[in-house]
Amino acid sequence: MEQQQIPLRVTAARFVRTIRIFANSDVGWRAKLLFGGLIALLCGLNALNVVNNYVGRNFMTAIAERQMAEFIRQAIFYIAVFAALTVVGVFARFAEERLALLWREFLTRRIVNLYLEDETYYRLDVSGKLTHPDQRIAEDVRAFTVTTLSFVIMLFSSTLTMVTFSGVLWSISPLLFGVAVLYAACGSYMTIALGRPLITLNYDRLDKEATFRSGLIHIRENAEPIMLTRGEGRQRVRLLNRLDELIANIREITAVNRNLGFFTGGYNWMIQLVPDLIIAPAFIRGDIEFGVVTQSGAAFAMLVGAFSLIVRQFNSISNFAAVVSRLSSLHEEVARSHATESGIEVSERDGPLTCEGLTLAPSTDADPPLLKELSVSIPSGTRVLVTGSSQAPGAALFRAMAHIPTPGKGRIVRPAGTLFLPQRPYLPSGALRQVLVGPEKESEVPDQLMLSVLHELGLERIVSQAGGLDAEHDWEKELSLRDQQLLALANILLSAPSFVVLDRAEMTLGPELLEKIMRLLSKRSIACVHIGAAEGGREVYQAVLEYGDDGRWTWSAKT
């Protein structure tokens, strides 16, 4: 798990930058309109609270003095103010939620685009430096937008409350005003001192929750292999260990919350008593009317509440600090993944597939290179077998050609649109039509051509079993690995790239079917580089690239 090392200044700068990007985006005008309306509604709420404070004072004074006509008039005012507060409060909440949703949508779309750009998702996964980016994108973005907006609103409302109710409380008693400020300052200091560990603990809790949940998802997605290998015991130990770590973390959080609760509970209860202790003697002496006692209590509570934003919201603030730090870590790792370049340069241009001075490094420095100074040029329409005594060099070459970060140096130039077929292909869930041609080309490829290719590969039964080209299925669960390979090959035949690179296809398809595939590729003028076994079937290839255990290689072509 990565540690929280990002400086506060950097995090704050990114926080401000995120808001600026949102404000200047295509939806920025809607955000500004909603925010302006929200500020106006909050000002209205604050003004109504001040009016409510004075109406409450007059209402209680009318009761104390037994003035029925004044009591009825103030009761009507009271009801009208409550109604106005309800209407304005509902619209303010609605505007806040819509603005938060707009911000979340914008920010999530932006992060998803960055996550899927330049193989960032892969680089983050293999680096292992960032845990659970999926949770950060889905949950932390939601918490960030909602909580940020909530804090901005609370801070703005608290500022308005400080300005308006400071005057009210000062007019009642300057002493009570001073007590309110001192009381809130001491409370904020003690809350920060007692609750500081919550920031780190909440940061860890989010990761531990995600780790436990990912373990449950792993069992669901691998239910059959776990059952076949009787792996329930191992999975149980793994899950319960993760649960133990999560429970231990939550226990620490609850212990800190307990200590914090002792202070904040007493702090909040004393808010009700302090103004009465100071103002009640003046009422007893007859210096003020009874309504002033209740007014001072309400004004004191409002002012102390405004000054005590940290006390009232410390748990939310500690959670928010963890969320901001996690999103900052995500931004940091995305930027670092883009800055990290492999020693192997991969570029695209029309023409042959070439390797220039390509050296593939081994896993340890003590071993010889997997491939040493490979320089070959494979013309269009050529079928090439890449083989050797071990699988490691071939696997590394496949990854390097696919532009997957691979240790080494040199240059690979491949034709644009080159496709790659690994031993276990990726078939997204969805309609068969989308698996064959992709949603962007559905209208360009006629159904008859799709059915013809499936027939050539012996997959026509899949159409009837699936219920047609438009029925949606989870193909990785419903098809055998062999049929998955053939379905991926059907996609390649329909896409008709100039080059395709296969990885150990004979292990799934067998030599006879592989030979048929080679003829189908040749018929469509698709060049093929097959990284496979050396035994048999060499007659279907026009050239063989063979490597040895010492990294040396030989190239032999048919004349």
Protein backbone atom coordinates (compact mmCIF):
# COMPACT_ATOMS: atom_id res chain seq x y z
CA MET A 1 0.00 0.00 0.00
CA GLU A 2 1.31 3.43 -0.87
CA GLN A 3 1.87 5.84 1.96
CA GLN A 4 0.47 9.31 2.31
CA GLN A 5 3.49 11.39 1.32
CA ILE A 6 2.03 14.17 -0.80
CA PRO A 7 2.67 17.65 0.70
CA LEU A 8 -0.30 19.70 1.81
CA ARG A 9 0.71 22.57 -0.49
CA VAL A 10 0.72 20.28 -3.54
CA THR A 11 -2.64 18.80 -2.58
CA ALA A 12 -4.13 22.27 -2.07
CA ALA A 13 -2.76 23.43 -5.44
CA ARG A 14 -4.34 20.45 -7.19
CA PHE A 15 -7.59 21.08 -5.33
CA VAL A 16 -7.71 24.66 -6.63
CA ARG A 17 -6.68 23.52 -10.11
CA THR A 18 -9.52 20.97 -10.18
CA ILE A 19 -12.07 23.66 -9.36
CA ARG A 20 -10.59 26.01 -11.99
CA ILE A 21 -10.74 23.31 -14.69
CA PHE A 22 -14.37 22.59 -13.82
CA ALA A 23 -15.29 26.28 -13.87
CA ASN A 24 -13.69 26.78 -17.30
CA SER A 25 -15.10 23.59 -18.87
CA ASP A 26 -17.99 23.21 -21.29
CA VAL A 27 -20.38 22.77 -18.37
CA GLY A 28 -18.79 25.59 -16.39
CA TRP A 29 -21.57 28.05 -17.24
CA ARG A 30 -24.16 25.68 -15.76
CA ALA A 31 -22.01 25.22 -12.68
CA LYS A 32 -21.61 28.97 -12.22
CA LEU A 33 -25.35 29.50 -12.65
CA LEU A 34 -26.17 26.82 -10.07
CA PHE A 35 -23.53 28.12 -7.67
CA GLY A 36 -24.77 31.71 -8.01
CA GLY A 37 -28.33 30.60 -7.33
CA LEU A 38 -27.13 28.56 -4.36
CA ILE A 39 -25.30 31.54 -2.84
CA ALA A 40 -28.44 33.69 -3.23
CA LEU A 41 -30.55 31.02 -1.52
CA LEU A 42 -28.03 30.71 1.33
CA CYS A 43 -28.10 34.47 1.85
CA GLY A 44 -31.88 34.24 1.98
CA LEU A 45 -31.70 31.44 4.54
CA ASN A 46 -29.34 33.43 6.75
CA ALA A 47 -31.58 36.52 6.58
CA LEU A 48 -34.60 34.40 7.47
CA ASN A 49 -32.72 32.94 10.46
CA VAL A 50 -32.07 36.45 11.79
CA VAL A 51 -35.74 37.35 11.32
CA ASN A 52 -36.70 34.08 13.01
CA ASN A 53 -34.47 34.96 15.99
CA TYR A 54 -36.30 38.26 16.57
CA VAL A 55 -39.74 36.76 15.93
CA GLY A 56 -38.92 34.05 18.48
CA ARG A 57 -37.96 36.69 21.03
CA ASN A 58 -41.21 38.61 20.56
CA PHE A 59 -43.20 35.37 20.59
CA MET A 60 -41.76 34.29 23.95
CA THR A 61 -42.17 37.80 25.40
CA ALA A 62 -45.86 37.80 24.42
CA ILE A 63 -46.31 34.49 26.24
CA ALA A 64 -44.48 35.72 29.34
CA GLU A 65 -46.59 38.94 29.43
CA ARG A 66 -49.86 37.10 28.60
CA GLN A 67 -50.64 39.33 25.57
CA MET A 68 -53.06 37.23 23.48
CA ALA A 69 -53.30 39.58 20.47
CA GLU A 70 -49.52 39.92 20.23
CA PHE A 71 -49.14 36.17 20.77
CA ILE A 72 -51.42 35.41 17.78
CA ARG A 73 -49.67 38.00 15.58
CA GLN A 74 -46.20 36.63 16.42
CA ALA A 75 -47.42 33.05 15.93
CA ILE A 76 -48.53 33.98 12.39
CA PHE A 77 -45.13 35.56 11.76
CA TYR A 78 -43.47 32.45 13.16
CA ILE A 79 -45.42 30.15 10.80
CA ALA A 80 -44.70 32.39 7.80
CA VAL A 81 -40.98 32.43 8.57
CA PHE A 82 -40.92 28.64 9.02
CA ALA A 83 -42.70 28.21 5.69
CA ALA A 84 -40.23 30.50 3.94
CA LEU A 85 -37.30 28.69 5.57
CA THR A 86 -38.68 25.36 4.36
CA VAL A 87 -39.13 26.51 0.75
CA VAL A 88 -35.75 28.26 0.53
CA GLY A 89 -34.01 25.35 2.30
CA VAL A 90 -35.46 22.76 -0.08
CA PHE A 91 -34.43 24.73 -3.16
CA ALA A 92 -30.96 25.30 -1.68
CA ARG A 93 -30.57 21.56 -1.09
CA PHE A 94 -31.79 20.81 -4.60
CA ALA A 95 -29.30 23.26 -6.15
CA GLU A 96 -26.48 21.79 -4.04
CA GLU A 97 -27.25 18.22 -5.13
CA ARG A 98 -27.53 19.15 -8.81
CA LEU A 99 -24.24 21.06 -8.69
CA ALA A 100 -22.51 18.13 -6.93
CA LEU A 101 -23.87 15.71 -9.53
CA LEU A 102 -22.72 17.93 -12.39
CA TRP A 103 -19.24 18.19 -10.88
CA ARG A 104 -19.03 14.46 -10.23
CA GLU A 105 -20.05 13.63 -13.80
CA PHE A 106 -17.48 16.03 -15.25
CA LEU A 107 -14.64 14.91 -12.98
CA THR A 108 -15.38 11.19 -13.41
CA ARG A 109 -15.46 11.48 -17.20
CA ARG A 110 -12.16 13.36 -17.15
CA ILE A 111 -10.43 10.82 -14.88
CA VAL A 112 -11.81 7.84 -16.83
CA ASN A 113 -10.40 9.33 -20.04
CA LEU A 114 -6.99 9.81 -18.40
CA TYR A 115 -7.15 6.31 -16.91
CA LEU A 116 -7.77 4.69 -20.30
CA GLU A 117 -5.33 6.90 -22.19
CA ASP A 118 -1.88 5.62 -23.24
CA GLU A 119 -2.36 2.30 -21.39
CA THR A 120 -2.38 4.14 -18.04
CA TYR A 121 -4.65 1.50 -16.48
CA TYR A 122 -2.06 -1.16 -17.33
CA ARG A 123 0.94 0.85 -16.14
CA LEU A 124 -0.74 1.55 -12.79
CA ASP A 125 -1.58 -2.13 -12.38
CA VAL A 126 1.89 -3.50 -13.10
CA SER A 127 3.65 -0.82 -11.05
CA GLY A 128 1.78 -1.89 -7.90
CA LYS A 129 2.33 1.55 -6.39
CA LEU A 130 -1.33 2.54 -6.33
CA THR A 131 -3.98 0.41 -4.68
CA HIS A 132 -7.54 0.19 -5.96
CA PRO A 133 -7.71 2.97 -8.59
CA ASP A 134 -11.22 1.74 -9.41
CA GLN A 135 -12.43 2.67 -5.93
CA ARG A 136 -10.79 6.08 -6.15
CA ILE A 137 -12.52 6.81 -9.45
CA ALA A 138 -15.94 5.51 -8.42
CA GLU A 139 -16.25 6.31 -4.71
CA ASP A 140 -13.59 8.88 -3.88
CA VAL A 141 -14.64 11.20 -6.72
CA ARG A 142 -18.23 11.07 -5.44
CA ALA A 143 -17.11 11.79 -1.87
CA PHE A 144 -14.77 14.55 -3.07
CA THR A 145 -17.39 16.46 -5.07
CA VAL A 146 -20.23 16.07 -2.58
CA THR A 147 -18.12 16.84 0.48
CA THR A 148 -16.23 19.73 -1.10
CA LEU A 149 -19.44 21.43 -2.07
CA SER A 150 -20.93 20.72 1.34
CA PHE A 151 -17.92 22.27 3.09
CA VAL A 152 -17.96 25.32 0.82
CA ILE A 153 -21.62 25.85 1.63
CA MET A 154 -21.07 25.32 5.36
CA LEU A 155 -18.12 27.70 5.35
CA PHE A 156 -20.11 30.35 3.49
CA SER A 157 -23.14 29.90 5.75
CA SER A 158 -20.94 29.99 8.85
CA THR A 159 -19.33 33.22 7.66
CA LEU A 160 -22.73 34.83 7.10
CA THR A 161 -23.88 33.59 10.50
CA MET A 162 -20.77 35.01 12.19
CA VAL A 163 -21.36 38.42 10.59
CA THR A 164 -25.08 38.67 11.32
CA PHE A 165 -25.32 37.02 14.74
CA SER A 166 -22.19 38.68 16.07
CA GLY A 167 -24.10 41.95 15.92
CA VAL A 168 -27.17 40.39 17.52
CA LEU A 169 -25.18 38.84 20.39
CA TRP A 170 -23.03 41.94 20.89
CA SER A 171 -26.18 44.06 21.23
CA ILE A 172 -27.45 41.71 23.91
CA SER A 173 -24.19 41.25 25.85
CA PRO A 174 -20.59 42.00 24.80
CA LEU A 175 -19.47 39.56 27.53
CA LEU A 176 -21.57 36.76 26.02
CA PHE A 177 -20.07 37.50 22.58
CA GLY A 178 -16.52 37.21 23.98
CA VAL A 179 -17.39 33.96 25.76
CA ALA A 180 -18.78 32.55 22.48
CA VAL A 181 -15.57 33.30 20.56
CA LEU A 182 -13.30 31.91 23.30
CA TYR A 183 -15.50 28.85 23.80
CA ALA A 184 -15.44 28.00 20.07
CA ALA A 185 -11.66 28.57 19.78
CA CYS A 186 -10.87 26.25 22.71
CA GLY A 187 -13.29 23.64 21.38
CA SER A 188 -11.72 23.67 17.92
CA TYR A 189 -8.21 23.30 19.34
CA MET A 190 -9.16 20.36 21.56
CA THR A 191 -11.05 18.65 18.72
CA ILE A 192 -8.05 18.85 16.39
CA ALA A 193 -5.70 17.58 19.12
CA LEU A 194 -7.91 14.61 19.97
CA GLY A 195 -9.04 13.72 16.44
CA ARG A 196 -5.83 14.15 14.39
CA PRO A 197 -5.19 10.36 14.14
CA LEU A 198 -8.51 9.95 12.29
CA ILE A 199 -7.04 11.35 9.05
CA THR A 200 -4.50 8.54 8.68
CA LEU A 201 -6.89 5.90 10.03
CA ASN A 202 -9.64 6.86 7.57
CA TYR A 203 -7.11 6.85 4.72
CA ASP A 204 -6.18 3.27 5.60
CA ARG A 205 -9.79 2.21 6.15
CA LEU A 206 -10.76 3.07 2.58
CA ASP A 207 -7.99 0.82 1.25
CA LYS A 208 -8.75 -2.02 3.65
CA GLU A 209 -12.45 -1.91 2.74
CA ALA A 210 -11.54 -2.10 -0.95
CA THR A 211 -9.07 -4.95 -0.36
CA PHE A 212 -11.68 -7.01 1.47
CA ARG A 213 -14.27 -6.34 -1.22
CA SER A 214 -11.84 -7.24 -4.01
CA GLY A 215 -11.25 -10.59 -2.31
CA LEU A 216 -14.98 -11.33 -2.41
CA ILE A 217 -15.12 -10.32 -6.08
CA HIS A 218 -12.16 -12.59 -6.83
CA ILE A 219 -14.03 -15.58 -5.37
CA ARG A 220 -17.16 -14.78 -7.36
CA GLU A 221 -15.24 -14.43 -10.63
CA ASN A 222 -13.20 -17.61 -10.04
CA ALA A 223 -15.87 -19.78 -8.42
CA GLU A 224 -15.39 -22.81 -10.67
CA PRO A 225 -11.55 -23.00 -10.47
CA ILE A 226 -11.70 -22.57 -6.69
CA MET A 227 -14.24 -25.39 -6.42
CA LEU A 228 -12.26 -27.70 -8.71
CA THR A 229 -9.00 -27.16 -6.81
CA ARG A 230 -10.69 -27.28 -3.38
CA GLY A 231 -9.32 -23.84 -2.68
CA GLU A 232 -12.03 -22.78 -0.24
CA GLY A 233 -9.75 -23.11 2.78
CA ARG A 234 -7.04 -20.92 1.27
CA GLN A 235 -9.58 -18.30 0.23
CA ARG A 236 -11.19 -18.39 3.68
CA VAL A 237 -7.85 -17.70 5.38
CA ARG A 238 -7.10 -14.92 2.89
CA LEU A 239 -10.48 -13.26 3.33
CA LEU A 240 -10.54 -13.54 7.12
CA ASN A 241 -7.02 -12.07 7.36
CA ARG A 242 -8.19 -9.08 5.34
CA LEU A 243 -11.27 -8.84 7.54
CA ASP A 244 -9.09 -8.91 10.67
CA GLU A 245 -7.02 -6.02 9.33
CA LEU A 246 -10.17 -4.06 8.53
CA ILE A 247 -11.73 -4.72 11.95
CA ALA A 248 -8.49 -3.72 13.72
CA ASN A 249 -8.46 -0.45 11.79
CA ILE A 250 -12.12 0.28 12.57
CA ARG A 251 -11.51 -0.47 16.25
CA GLU A 252 -8.79 2.16 16.30
CA ILE A 253 -11.18 4.61 14.63
CA THR A 254 -13.93 3.89 17.16
CA ALA A 255 -11.45 4.36 20.04
CA VAL A 256 -10.47 7.79 18.74
CA ASN A 257 -14.15 8.63 18.13
CA ARG A 258 -14.93 7.59 21.73
CA ASN A 259 -12.35 9.98 23.14
CA LEU A 260 -13.48 12.69 20.76
CA GLY A 261 -17.12 12.02 21.65
CA PHE A 262 -16.49 12.61 25.36
CA PHE A 263 -15.30 16.11 24.55
CA THR A 264 -17.70 17.08 21.76
CA GLY A 265 -20.72 15.70 23.66
CA GLY A 266 -20.02 17.84 26.69
CA TYR A 267 -19.08 20.76 24.47
CA ASN A 268 -22.44 20.67 22.66
CA TRP A 269 -24.47 20.27 25.86
CA MET A 270 -22.76 23.24 27.50
CA ILE A 271 -23.78 25.48 24.58
CA GLN A 272 -27.35 25.32 25.95
CA LEU A 273 -26.31 26.27 29.48
CA VAL A 274 -23.60 28.94 29.07
CA PRO A 275 -25.83 31.79 27.74
CA ASP A 276 -28.42 31.21 30.49
CA LEU A 277 -25.73 31.39 33.17
CA ILE A 278 -24.64 34.80 31.86
CA ILE A 279 -28.01 36.34 30.85
CA ALA A 280 -30.40 34.89 33.45
CA PRO A 281 -29.13 37.14 36.33
CA ALA A 282 -29.98 40.23 34.25
CA PHE A 283 -33.54 38.93 33.76
CA ILE A 284 -33.86 38.14 37.45
CA ARG A 285 -32.80 41.71 38.24
CA GLY A 286 -35.44 42.97 35.81
CA ASP A 287 -32.93 44.54 33.40
CA ILE A 288 -34.19 42.60 30.36
CA GLU A 289 -37.43 40.98 29.23
CA PHE A 290 -37.89 37.21 29.16
CA GLY A 291 -37.75 37.00 25.36
CA VAL A 292 -34.16 38.26 25.43
CA VAL A 293 -33.16 35.17 27.44
CA THR A 294 -34.41 32.82 24.73
CA GLN A 295 -33.05 35.10 21.99
CA SER A 296 -29.59 35.12 23.56
CA GLY A 297 -29.60 31.33 23.84
CA ALA A 298 -30.52 30.94 20.16
CA ALA A 299 -28.03 33.60 19.02
CA PHE A 300 -25.25 32.06 21.17
CA ALA A 301 -25.94 28.61 19.72
CA MET A 302 -25.93 29.98 16.16
CA LEU A 303 -22.70 31.93 16.64
CA VAL A 304 -20.82 29.17 18.48
CA GLY A 305 -22.04 26.72 15.85
CA ALA A 306 -20.62 28.95 13.12
CA PHE A 307 -17.29 29.31 14.92
CA SER A 308 -17.23 25.59 15.76
CA LEU A 309 -17.32 24.22 12.22
CA ILE A 310 -14.27 22.06 12.97
CA VAL A 311 -15.86 20.65 16.13
CA ARG A 312 -19.14 19.80 14.42
CA GLN A 313 -17.65 18.40 11.22
CA PHE A 314 -14.33 16.91 12.29
CA ASN A 315 -15.25 13.34 11.32
CA SER A 316 -16.33 14.54 7.90
CA ILE A 317 -13.20 16.68 7.59
CA SER A 318 -10.92 13.73 8.46
CA ASN A 319 -12.69 11.55 5.87
CA PHE A 320 -12.45 14.35 3.33
CA ALA A 321 -8.73 14.82 3.98
CA ALA A 322 -8.20 11.11 3.28
CA VAL A 323 -10.23 11.32 0.05
CA VAL A 324 -8.29 14.36 -1.20
CA SER A 325 -5.01 12.61 -0.41
CA ARG A 326 -6.10 9.44 -2.27
CA LEU A 327 -7.17 11.41 -5.34
CA SER A 328 -3.90 13.33 -5.20
CA SER A 329 -2.07 9.98 -5.13
CA LEU A 330 -4.07 8.87 -8.17
CA HIS A 331 -3.12 12.06 -10.02
CA GLU A 332 0.52 11.62 -8.99
CA GLU A 333 0.72 8.03 -10.23
CA VAL A 334 -1.08 8.82 -13.50
CA ALA A 335 1.43 11.59 -14.19
CA ARG A 336 4.33 9.31 -13.24
CA SER A 337 3.07 6.49 -15.47
CA HIS A 338 3.00 8.87 -18.44
CA ALA A 339 6.52 10.05 -17.66
CA THR A 340 7.90 6.50 -17.43
CA GLU A 341 9.07 5.31 -20.82
CA SER A 342 10.33 1.89 -21.82
CA GLY A 343 13.79 1.55 -23.33
CA ILE A 344 12.13 0.01 -26.38
CA GLU A 345 10.78 2.53 -28.87
CA VAL A 346 7.60 1.45 -30.69
CA SER A 347 6.27 3.43 -33.63
CA GLU A 348 3.79 2.88 -36.46
CA ARG A 349 4.02 3.45 -40.21
CA ASP A 350 2.92 1.72 -43.38
CA GLY A 351 5.15 -1.02 -44.69
CA PRO A 352 6.91 -4.02 -43.14
CA LEU A 353 7.11 -4.92 -39.48
CA THR A 354 10.71 -4.33 -38.42
CA CYS A 355 12.87 -4.82 -35.35
CA GLU A 356 16.01 -2.70 -35.20
CA GLY A 357 18.71 -3.59 -32.69
CA LEU A 358 16.12 -5.08 -30.33
CA THR A 359 17.50 -6.51 -27.10
CA LEU A 360 15.14 -8.00 -24.53
CA ALA A 361 16.48 -8.00 -20.98
CA PRO A 362 16.08 -11.00 -18.62
CA SER A 363 14.35 -10.90 -15.22
CA THR A 364 17.72 -10.91 -13.41
CA ASP A 365 20.99 -9.25 -14.40
CA ALA A 366 22.90 -12.52 -13.96
CA ASP A 367 21.07 -14.18 -16.87
CA PRO A 368 21.92 -13.61 -20.55
CA PRO A 369 19.59 -11.45 -22.70
CA LEU A 370 16.43 -13.14 -23.88
CA LEU A 371 17.07 -11.75 -27.35
CA LYS A 372 20.21 -9.93 -28.43
CA GLU A 373 20.40 -7.27 -31.17
CA LEU A 374 17.46 -8.60 -33.17
CA SER A 375 17.20 -6.84 -36.54
CA VAL A 376 14.66 -8.26 -39.01
CA SER A 377 12.13 -6.91 -41.50
CA ILE A 378 8.91 -8.83 -42.16
CA PRO A 379 7.23 -7.77 -45.43
CA SER A 380 3.47 -7.50 -45.84
CA GLY A 381 1.72 -10.77 -46.58
CA THR A 382 4.43 -12.89 -44.96
CA ARG A 383 3.78 -15.72 -42.51
CA VAL A 384 6.56 -16.03 -39.92
CA LEU A 385 7.09 -18.55 -37.13
CA VAL A 386 9.01 -17.29 -34.09
CA THR A 387 10.19 -20.23 -32.00
CA GLY A 388 12.87 -21.45 -29.62
CA SER A 389 13.70 -23.85 -26.84
CA SER A 390 12.02 -21.74 -24.13
CA GLN A 391 8.91 -19.60 -23.97
CA ALA A 392 10.35 -16.56 -22.17
CA PRO A 393 11.98 -14.82 -25.19
CA GLY A 394 8.87 -15.34 -27.35
CA ALA A 395 6.57 -14.04 -24.63
CA ALA A 396 8.80 -10.97 -24.14
CA LEU A 397 8.86 -10.32 -27.90
CA PHE A 398 5.06 -10.54 -28.08
CA ARG A 399 4.75 -8.00 -25.25
CA ALA A 400 7.32 -5.68 -26.79
CA MET A 401 5.60 -5.74 -30.19
CA ALA A 402 2.28 -4.99 -28.47
CA HIS A 403 3.95 -1.97 -26.79
CA ILE A 404 3.52 -3.45 -23.33
CA PRO A 405 6.35 -2.07 -21.14
CA THR A 406 9.16 -4.62 -21.44
CA PRO A 407 12.76 -4.33 -20.17
CA GLY A 408 15.20 -3.87 -23.02
CA LYS A 409 16.30 -1.49 -25.73
CA GLY A 410 15.98 -1.03 -29.46
CA ARG A 411 13.20 -0.06 -31.86
CA ILE A 412 10.10 -1.73 -33.27
CA VAL A 413 8.23 -0.29 -36.26
CA ARG A 414 4.88 -1.90 -36.93
CA PRO A 415 2.11 -1.14 -39.44
CA ALA A 416 -0.80 0.89 -38.12
CA GLY A 417 -3.70 -1.27 -36.99
CA THR A 418 -1.60 -4.34 -36.15
CA LEU A 419 -3.69 -6.73 -34.04
CA PHE A 420 -2.51 -9.09 -31.30
CA LEU A 421 -4.07 -12.36 -30.12
CA PRO A 422 -2.80 -13.61 -26.73
CA GLN A 423 -3.26 -17.17 -25.51
CA ARG A 424 -6.32 -16.09 -23.56
CA PRO A 425 -8.21 -13.50 -25.61
CA TYR A 426 -10.37 -10.77 -24.14
CA LEU A 427 -14.00 -10.98 -25.18
CA PRO A 428 -16.18 -8.21 -23.70
CA SER A 429 -19.68 -9.07 -22.59
CA GLY A 430 -22.32 -7.94 -25.06
CA ALA A 431 -23.92 -8.86 -28.35
CA LEU A 432 -22.13 -11.28 -30.68
CA ARG A 433 -22.18 -8.61 -33.37
CA GLN A 434 -20.18 -6.25 -31.13
CA VAL A 435 -17.62 -8.97 -30.35
CA LEU A 436 -17.13 -9.65 -34.06
CA VAL A 437 -16.84 -6.12 -35.42
CA GLY A 438 -17.11 -3.68 -32.50
CA PRO A 439 -19.91 -1.16 -31.96
CA GLU A 440 -18.19 1.47 -34.13
CA LYS A 441 -18.33 -0.74 -37.27
CA GLU A 442 -21.64 -2.54 -36.82
CA SER A 443 -23.28 -0.71 -39.72
CA GLU A 444 -20.30 -1.24 -42.04
CA VAL A 445 -20.13 -5.05 -41.96
CA PRO A 446 -23.14 -6.95 -43.35
CA ASP A 447 -24.63 -9.84 -41.39
CA GLN A 448 -23.96 -12.25 -44.24
CA LEU A 449 -20.22 -11.57 -44.08
CA MET A 450 -20.15 -12.19 -40.33
CA LEU A 451 -22.06 -15.46 -40.73
CA SER A 452 -19.73 -16.51 -43.57
CA VAL A 453 -16.61 -16.00 -41.44
CA LEU A 454 -18.17 -17.86 -38.52
CA HIS A 455 -18.97 -20.72 -40.88
CA GLU A 456 -15.37 -20.86 -42.12
CA LEU A 457 -14.21 -21.19 -38.52
CA GLY A 458 -16.86 -23.74 -37.60
CA LEU A 459 -18.66 -21.36 -35.22
CA GLU A 460 -22.08 -21.19 -36.87
CA ARG A 461 -23.53 -23.14 -33.92
CA ILE A 462 -22.68 -20.24 -31.59
CA VAL A 463 -25.13 -17.99 -33.46
CA SER A 464 -28.04 -20.37 -32.91
CA GLN A 465 -27.02 -21.12 -29.32
CA ALA A 466 -26.73 -17.41 -28.53
CA GLY A 467 -30.08 -16.57 -30.13
CA GLY A 468 -28.72 -14.46 -32.99
CA LEU A 469 -26.13 -11.77 -33.52
CA ASP A 470 -27.82 -9.28 -31.20
CA ALA A 471 -28.29 -11.41 -28.07
CA GLU A 472 -26.03 -10.33 -25.22
CA HIS A 473 -23.92 -12.88 -23.32
CA ASP A 474 -20.92 -13.18 -21.04
CA TRP A 475 -18.74 -14.93 -23.63
CA GLU A 476 -15.77 -15.64 -21.36
CA LYS A 477 -18.00 -17.71 -19.08
CA GLU A 478 -20.14 -19.41 -21.73
CA LEU A 479 -17.49 -20.42 -24.30
CA SER A 480 -14.54 -22.76 -24.10
CA LEU A 481 -11.06 -21.26 -24.47
CA ARG A 482 -10.84 -22.78 -27.97
CA ASP A 483 -14.09 -21.12 -29.07
CA GLN A 484 -12.97 -17.85 -27.50
CA GLN A 485 -9.78 -18.03 -29.58
CA LEU A 486 -11.76 -18.73 -32.75
CA LEU A 487 -14.20 -15.91 -32.03
CA ALA A 488 -11.26 -13.52 -31.56
CA LEU A 489 -9.83 -14.78 -34.86
CA ALA A 490 -13.20 -14.10 -36.51
CA ASN A 491 -12.87 -10.51 -35.34
CA ILE A 492 -9.36 -10.36 -36.89
CA LEU A 493 -10.57 -11.78 -40.22
CA LEU A 494 -13.42 -9.24 -40.35
CA SER A 495 -11.11 -6.37 -39.34
CA ALA A 496 -8.60 -7.39 -42.06
CA PRO A 497 -5.47 -5.71 -40.63
CA SER A 498 -2.22 -5.81 -42.56
CA PHE A 499 -0.45 -7.67 -39.72
CA VAL A 500 -1.52 -9.94 -36.86
CA VAL A 501 0.68 -11.37 -34.09
CA LEU A 502 -0.38 -14.68 -32.46
CA ASP A 503 0.96 -16.03 -29.17
CA ARG A 504 1.16 -19.84 -28.85
CA ALA A 505 -2.09 -20.35 -30.75
CA GLU A 506 -1.27 -24.04 -31.39
CA MET A 507 -1.68 -24.84 -27.68
CA THR A 508 -5.42 -24.09 -27.92
CA LEU A 509 -6.26 -24.66 -31.56
CA GLY A 510 -4.01 -27.62 -32.43
CA PRO A 511 -1.78 -27.90 -35.53
CA GLU A 512 -4.49 -28.79 -38.05
CA LEU A 513 -6.82 -25.95 -37.16
CA LEU A 514 -3.88 -23.54 -36.93
CA GLU A 515 -2.87 -24.49 -40.46
CA LYS A 516 -6.41 -23.72 -41.63
CA ILE A 517 -6.23 -20.34 -39.88
CA MET A 518 -2.96 -19.56 -41.66
CA ARG A 519 -4.59 -20.27 -45.03
CA LEU A 520 -7.53 -17.99 -44.15
CA LEU A 521 -5.13 -15.21 -43.21
CA SER A 522 -3.14 -15.71 -46.39
CA LYS A 523 -6.34 -15.64 -48.46
CA ARG A 524 -7.07 -12.18 -47.05
CA SER A 525 -3.43 -10.97 -47.47
CA ILE A 526 -2.98 -10.63 -43.70
CA ALA A 527 0.65 -11.05 -42.65
CA CYS A 528 1.08 -13.21 -39.54
CA VAL A 529 3.80 -13.48 -36.93
CA HIS A 530 3.15 -16.60 -34.86
CA ILE A 531 5.16 -17.02 -31.67
CA GLY A 532 4.78 -20.75 -31.10
CA ALA A 533 6.25 -24.21 -30.81
CA ALA A 534 8.87 -25.54 -33.21
CA GLU A 535 7.38 -29.01 -33.65
CA GLY A 536 5.75 -29.65 -37.04
CA GLY A 537 3.73 -27.43 -39.34
CA ARG A 538 6.61 -25.28 -40.57
CA GLU A 539 5.56 -25.67 -44.19
CA VAL A 540 2.75 -23.11 -43.79
CA TYR A 541 5.28 -20.40 -42.91
CA GLN A 542 7.44 -18.47 -45.33
CA ALA A 543 10.13 -17.68 -42.77
CA VAL A 544 11.28 -18.87 -39.35
CA LEU A 545 12.91 -16.75 -36.66
CA GLU A 546 14.58 -19.09 -34.15
CA TYR A 547 16.22 -17.95 -30.93
CA GLY A 548 18.55 -19.76 -28.56
CA ASP A 549 19.10 -19.81 -24.81
CA ASP A 550 21.97 -17.33 -25.08
CA GLY A 551 19.89 -14.66 -26.84
CA ARG A 552 21.27 -15.34 -30.28
CA TRP A 553 18.87 -15.78 -33.17
CA THR A 554 18.73 -17.01 -36.75
CA TRP A 555 16.46 -16.01 -39.61
CA SER A 556 15.67 -18.46 -42.40
CA ALA A 557 13.33 -17.74 -45.28
CA LYS A 558 12.01 -19.95 -48.04
CA THR A 559 13.31 -19.09 -51.48
